[in-house]
Structures are given as structure tokens and as C-alpha cells.
Amino acid sequence: MVRNTGFLLMALAGGAVAYGLRKRNNITRHIAMLIAIAGIVMLVPPVSAATVSANVKLLAFGGLGIIIRVIVAWYLARADVVEEFRPRST
């Protein structure tokens, strides 16, 4: 039951971030960038271990995970995306 609760909390957090991004909430954009950067940091040790042990499969999957997270963080930090998330004057 505890594992299901953690999964549901993470799914709820992911859904909340997705909803905030859809509504162009600037704080949610920052939260999504922090999540992507935290994912990069958490993937560095497994990729380093895969490099040392010469495990190509783990190295490829870990490297791909890092690349995807870097692309997400880079995209959310671009000037045109930042402008899109600015509040509109009515």
C-alpha cells in the first residue's frame, strides 16, 4: 500500500505540473525546470558507474535520460518560451 501511495503522489505532482504548464503558469515552468535538473543530477552516478563497468546498455539508457532532461530544461529556459509564460495584460 505504501508503494501505491508514493506512485499516486508522484502521478498527482506530474499531473499538476502538466496542468500548470498547459495554463502557462510561470512558477510551474520553473518547477518543471527544477524537476528536469534534479533528474539530471540523479542520473549522473548511474551513468558514471555504467561507464566504469563498460555496460553499454545502462550507459545508453542513462545517457538518453540525461539528454532528454537537458532538452526539456533548455527548451523551458529559451527566451521565446519565457515570453510565452509572461502574464498577459488585460
N, C-alpha and C. Protein backbone atom coordinates (compact mmCIF):
# COMPACT_ATOMS: atom_id res chain seq x y z
N MET A 1 0.81 -1.20 0.00
CA MET A 1 0.00 0.00 0.00
C MET A 1 0.86 1.27 0.00
N VAL A 2 2.01 1.23 0.67
CA VAL A 2 2.88 2.40 0.73
C VAL A 2 3.44 2.71 -0.65
N ARG A 3 3.82 1.69 -1.41
CA ARG A 3 4.34 1.92 -2.76
C ARG A 3 3.29 2.58 -3.64
N ASN A 4 2.06 2.15 -3.53
CA ASN A 4 1.00 2.74 -4.34
C ASN A 4 0.78 4.20 -3.97
N THR A 5 0.90 4.53 -2.70
CA THR A 5 0.72 5.91 -2.27
C THR A 5 1.81 6.80 -2.86
N GLY A 6 3.06 6.34 -2.85
CA GLY A 6 4.14 7.13 -3.45
C GLY A 6 3.93 7.33 -4.93
N PHE A 7 3.50 6.27 -5.62
CA PHE A 7 3.25 6.38 -7.04
C PHE A 7 2.13 7.37 -7.30
N LEU A 8 1.07 7.31 -6.52
CA LEU A 8 -0.05 8.23 -6.71
C LEU A 8 0.34 9.67 -6.42
N LEU A 9 1.18 9.88 -5.41
CA LEU A 9 1.64 11.24 -5.12
C LEU A 9 2.48 11.79 -6.27
N MET A 10 3.37 10.97 -6.82
CA MET A 10 4.20 11.42 -7.94
C MET A 10 3.34 11.65 -9.19
N ALA A 11 2.35 10.80 -9.40
CA ALA A 11 1.45 10.99 -10.55
C ALA A 11 0.65 12.27 -10.39
N LEU A 12 0.21 12.56 -9.16
CA LEU A 12 -0.52 13.79 -8.89
C LEU A 12 0.37 15.00 -9.11
N ALA A 13 1.62 14.93 -8.65
CA ALA A 13 2.56 16.04 -8.85
C ALA A 13 2.84 16.24 -10.34
N GLY A 14 3.04 15.16 -11.07
CA GLY A 14 3.26 15.27 -12.51
C GLY A 14 2.06 15.85 -13.23
N GLY A 15 0.88 15.43 -12.83
CA GLY A 15 -0.34 15.98 -13.42
C GLY A 15 -0.51 17.46 -13.11
N ALA A 16 -0.15 17.85 -11.89
CA ALA A 16 -0.25 19.27 -11.51
C ALA A 16 0.74 20.11 -12.32
N VAL A 17 1.95 19.60 -12.53
CA VAL A 17 2.93 20.32 -13.34
C VAL A 17 2.45 20.41 -14.78
N ALA A 18 1.93 19.33 -15.30
CA ALA A 18 1.42 19.34 -16.68
C ALA A 18 0.27 20.34 -16.83
N TYR A 19 -0.63 20.38 -15.85
CA TYR A 19 -1.75 21.32 -15.89
C TYR A 19 -1.24 22.76 -15.83
N GLY A 20 -0.26 23.01 -14.94
CA GLY A 20 0.29 24.35 -14.82
C GLY A 20 1.01 24.80 -16.09
N LEU A 21 1.73 23.87 -16.73
CA LEU A 21 2.38 24.22 -17.99
C LEU A 21 1.35 24.50 -19.07
N ARG A 22 0.28 23.73 -19.07
CA ARG A 22 -0.77 23.94 -20.07
C ARG A 22 -1.44 25.29 -19.90
N LYS A 23 -1.57 25.73 -18.64
CA LYS A 23 -2.18 27.03 -18.35
C LYS A 23 -1.18 28.18 -18.41
N ARG A 24 0.06 27.89 -18.80
CA ARG A 24 1.13 28.87 -18.96
C ARG A 24 1.45 29.58 -17.63
N ASN A 25 1.55 28.80 -16.56
CA ASN A 25 1.90 29.34 -15.25
C ASN A 25 3.43 29.40 -15.15
N ASN A 26 3.98 30.59 -14.92
CA ASN A 26 5.43 30.78 -14.92
C ASN A 26 6.10 30.04 -13.76
N ILE A 27 5.47 30.00 -12.60
CA ILE A 27 6.05 29.27 -11.47
C ILE A 27 6.14 27.78 -11.79
N THR A 28 5.15 27.26 -12.45
CA THR A 28 5.17 25.86 -12.85
C THR A 28 6.29 25.60 -13.85
N ARG A 29 6.58 26.55 -14.70
CA ARG A 29 7.70 26.41 -15.64
C ARG A 29 9.01 26.26 -14.88
N HIS A 30 9.18 27.06 -13.84
CA HIS A 30 10.38 26.96 -13.01
C HIS A 30 10.43 25.62 -12.28
N ILE A 31 9.30 25.16 -11.78
CA ILE A 31 9.24 23.86 -11.09
C ILE A 31 9.60 22.74 -12.06
N ALA A 32 9.09 22.81 -13.28
CA ALA A 32 9.41 21.79 -14.28
C ALA A 32 10.90 21.79 -14.61
N MET A 33 11.50 22.97 -14.67
CA MET A 33 12.94 23.05 -14.92
C MET A 33 13.72 22.45 -13.76
N LEU A 34 13.29 22.72 -12.53
CA LEU A 34 13.96 22.15 -11.36
C LEU A 34 13.83 20.63 -11.33
N ILE A 35 12.68 20.12 -11.72
CA ILE A 35 12.49 18.66 -11.78
C ILE A 35 13.42 18.05 -12.81
N ALA A 36 13.54 18.69 -13.97
CA ALA A 36 14.43 18.18 -15.02
C ALA A 36 15.88 18.21 -14.56
N ILE A 37 16.28 19.29 -13.91
CA ILE A 37 17.66 19.40 -13.43
C ILE A 37 17.94 18.38 -12.33
N ALA A 38 16.97 18.18 -11.44
CA ALA A 38 17.14 17.16 -10.39
C ALA A 38 17.28 15.77 -11.01
N GLY A 39 16.54 15.51 -12.08
CA GLY A 39 16.67 14.24 -12.78
C GLY A 39 18.04 14.06 -13.40
N ILE A 40 18.61 15.15 -13.91
CA ILE A 40 19.97 15.08 -14.47
C ILE A 40 20.95 14.72 -13.37
N VAL A 41 20.84 15.40 -12.24
CA VAL A 41 21.76 15.17 -11.12
C VAL A 41 21.65 13.73 -10.62
N MET A 42 20.42 13.21 -10.56
CA MET A 42 20.24 11.84 -10.06
C MET A 42 20.72 10.79 -11.05
N LEU A 43 20.83 11.13 -12.33
CA LEU A 43 21.30 10.16 -13.31
C LEU A 43 22.81 10.14 -13.49
N VAL A 44 23.50 11.13 -12.95
CA VAL A 44 24.96 11.17 -13.12
C VAL A 44 25.65 9.96 -12.48
N PRO A 45 25.35 9.58 -11.22
CA PRO A 45 26.05 8.41 -10.65
C PRO A 45 25.82 7.10 -11.41
N PRO A 46 24.58 6.76 -11.82
CA PRO A 46 24.43 5.52 -12.59
C PRO A 46 25.16 5.54 -13.93
N VAL A 47 25.19 6.69 -14.59
CA VAL A 47 25.91 6.79 -15.86
C VAL A 47 27.41 6.65 -15.62
N SER A 48 27.90 7.25 -14.55
CA SER A 48 29.32 7.11 -14.23
C SER A 48 29.67 5.65 -13.92
N ALA A 49 28.80 4.97 -13.17
CA ALA A 49 29.04 3.56 -12.84
C ALA A 49 28.99 2.70 -14.10
N ALA A 50 28.06 3.01 -15.00
CA ALA A 50 27.97 2.26 -16.25
C ALA A 50 29.20 2.49 -17.12
N THR A 51 29.77 3.68 -17.05
CA THR A 51 30.98 3.97 -17.81
C THR A 51 32.15 3.16 -17.27
N VAL A 52 32.28 3.12 -15.95
CA VAL A 52 33.39 2.39 -15.34
C VAL A 52 33.28 0.89 -15.61
N SER A 53 32.04 0.36 -15.52
CA SER A 53 31.87 -1.08 -15.72
C SER A 53 31.71 -1.44 -17.20
N ALA A 54 31.74 -0.47 -18.08
CA ALA A 54 31.61 -0.67 -19.53
C ALA A 54 30.32 -1.39 -19.89
N ASN A 55 29.24 -1.01 -19.22
CA ASN A 55 27.92 -1.56 -19.50
C ASN A 55 27.23 -0.64 -20.51
N VAL A 56 27.26 -1.03 -21.76
CA VAL A 56 26.78 -0.17 -22.85
C VAL A 56 25.27 0.08 -22.75
N LYS A 57 24.51 -0.92 -22.37
CA LYS A 57 23.06 -0.76 -22.30
C LYS A 57 22.68 0.27 -21.24
N LEU A 58 23.24 0.16 -20.04
CA LEU A 58 22.94 1.13 -18.99
C LEU A 58 23.48 2.51 -19.34
N LEU A 59 24.61 2.55 -19.97
CA LEU A 59 25.18 3.83 -20.39
C LEU A 59 24.30 4.52 -21.42
N ALA A 60 23.78 3.75 -22.36
CA ALA A 60 22.91 4.32 -23.40
C ALA A 60 21.60 4.83 -22.81
N PHE A 61 20.96 4.03 -21.96
CA PHE A 61 19.68 4.45 -21.37
C PHE A 61 19.86 5.63 -20.42
N GLY A 62 20.92 5.59 -19.61
CA GLY A 62 21.18 6.71 -18.70
C GLY A 62 21.54 7.97 -19.45
N GLY A 63 22.36 7.83 -20.48
CA GLY A 63 22.73 8.99 -21.29
C GLY A 63 21.54 9.58 -22.01
N LEU A 64 20.66 8.71 -22.52
CA LEU A 64 19.45 9.19 -23.18
C LEU A 64 18.55 9.94 -22.20
N GLY A 65 18.46 9.43 -20.97
CA GLY A 65 17.67 10.12 -19.95
C GLY A 65 18.22 11.50 -19.65
N ILE A 66 19.54 11.60 -19.57
CA ILE A 66 20.16 12.91 -19.33
C ILE A 66 19.91 13.84 -20.50
N ILE A 67 20.07 13.34 -21.72
CA ILE A 67 19.87 14.17 -22.91
C ILE A 67 18.44 14.71 -22.96
N ILE A 68 17.46 13.87 -22.69
CA ILE A 68 16.06 14.30 -22.74
C ILE A 68 15.80 15.37 -21.69
N ARG A 69 16.33 15.19 -20.49
CA ARG A 69 16.12 16.19 -19.42
C ARG A 69 16.82 17.51 -19.74
N VAL A 70 17.99 17.44 -20.35
CA VAL A 70 18.68 18.67 -20.75
C VAL A 70 17.87 19.40 -21.81
N ILE A 71 17.30 18.68 -22.75
CA ILE A 71 16.48 19.31 -23.80
C ILE A 71 15.26 19.98 -23.18
N VAL A 72 14.61 19.32 -22.22
CA VAL A 72 13.43 19.90 -21.57
C VAL A 72 13.81 21.18 -20.83
N ALA A 73 14.89 21.13 -20.03
CA ALA A 73 15.31 22.32 -19.28
C ALA A 73 15.73 23.44 -20.23
N TRP A 74 16.45 23.11 -21.29
CA TRP A 74 16.88 24.12 -22.26
C TRP A 74 15.67 24.77 -22.94
N TYR A 75 14.70 23.96 -23.32
CA TYR A 75 13.52 24.49 -24.01
C TYR A 75 12.74 25.43 -23.09
N LEU A 76 12.57 25.04 -21.83
CA LEU A 76 11.82 25.88 -20.91
C LEU A 76 12.57 27.17 -20.54
N ALA A 77 13.87 27.22 -20.78
CA ALA A 77 14.66 28.41 -20.46
C ALA A 77 14.84 29.34 -21.66
N ARG A 78 14.38 28.93 -22.83
CA ARG A 78 14.54 29.77 -24.02
C ARG A 78 13.74 31.07 -23.89
N ALA A 79 14.22 32.13 -24.53
CA ALA A 79 13.61 33.45 -24.40
C ALA A 79 12.18 33.48 -24.94
N ASP A 80 11.94 32.81 -26.07
CA ASP A 80 10.58 32.83 -26.62
C ASP A 80 9.60 32.08 -25.73
N VAL A 81 10.06 31.03 -25.05
CA VAL A 81 9.19 30.29 -24.14
C VAL A 81 8.95 31.12 -22.88
N VAL A 82 9.99 31.79 -22.38
CA VAL A 82 9.82 32.66 -21.21
C VAL A 82 8.80 33.75 -21.53
N GLU A 83 8.88 34.31 -22.72
CA GLU A 83 7.92 35.35 -23.13
C GLU A 83 6.50 34.80 -23.19
N GLU A 84 6.36 33.57 -23.62
CA GLU A 84 5.03 32.94 -23.70
C GLU A 84 4.41 32.77 -22.30
N PHE A 85 5.24 32.59 -21.30
CA PHE A 85 4.75 32.35 -19.95
C PHE A 85 4.55 33.64 -19.16
N ARG A 86 4.90 34.79 -19.72
CA ARG A 86 4.68 36.06 -19.02
C ARG A 86 3.19 36.34 -18.91
N PRO A 87 2.77 36.95 -17.80
CA PRO A 87 1.34 37.28 -17.65
C PRO A 87 0.89 38.29 -18.71
N ARG A 88 -0.27 38.07 -19.23
CA ARG A 88 -0.85 38.96 -20.24
C ARG A 88 -1.58 40.11 -19.56
N SER A 89 -1.41 41.29 -20.08
CA SER A 89 -2.17 42.43 -19.55
C SER A 89 -3.54 42.44 -20.23
N THR A 90 -4.56 42.65 -19.43
CA THR A 90 -5.92 42.61 -19.98
C THR A 90 -6.51 43.98 -20.11
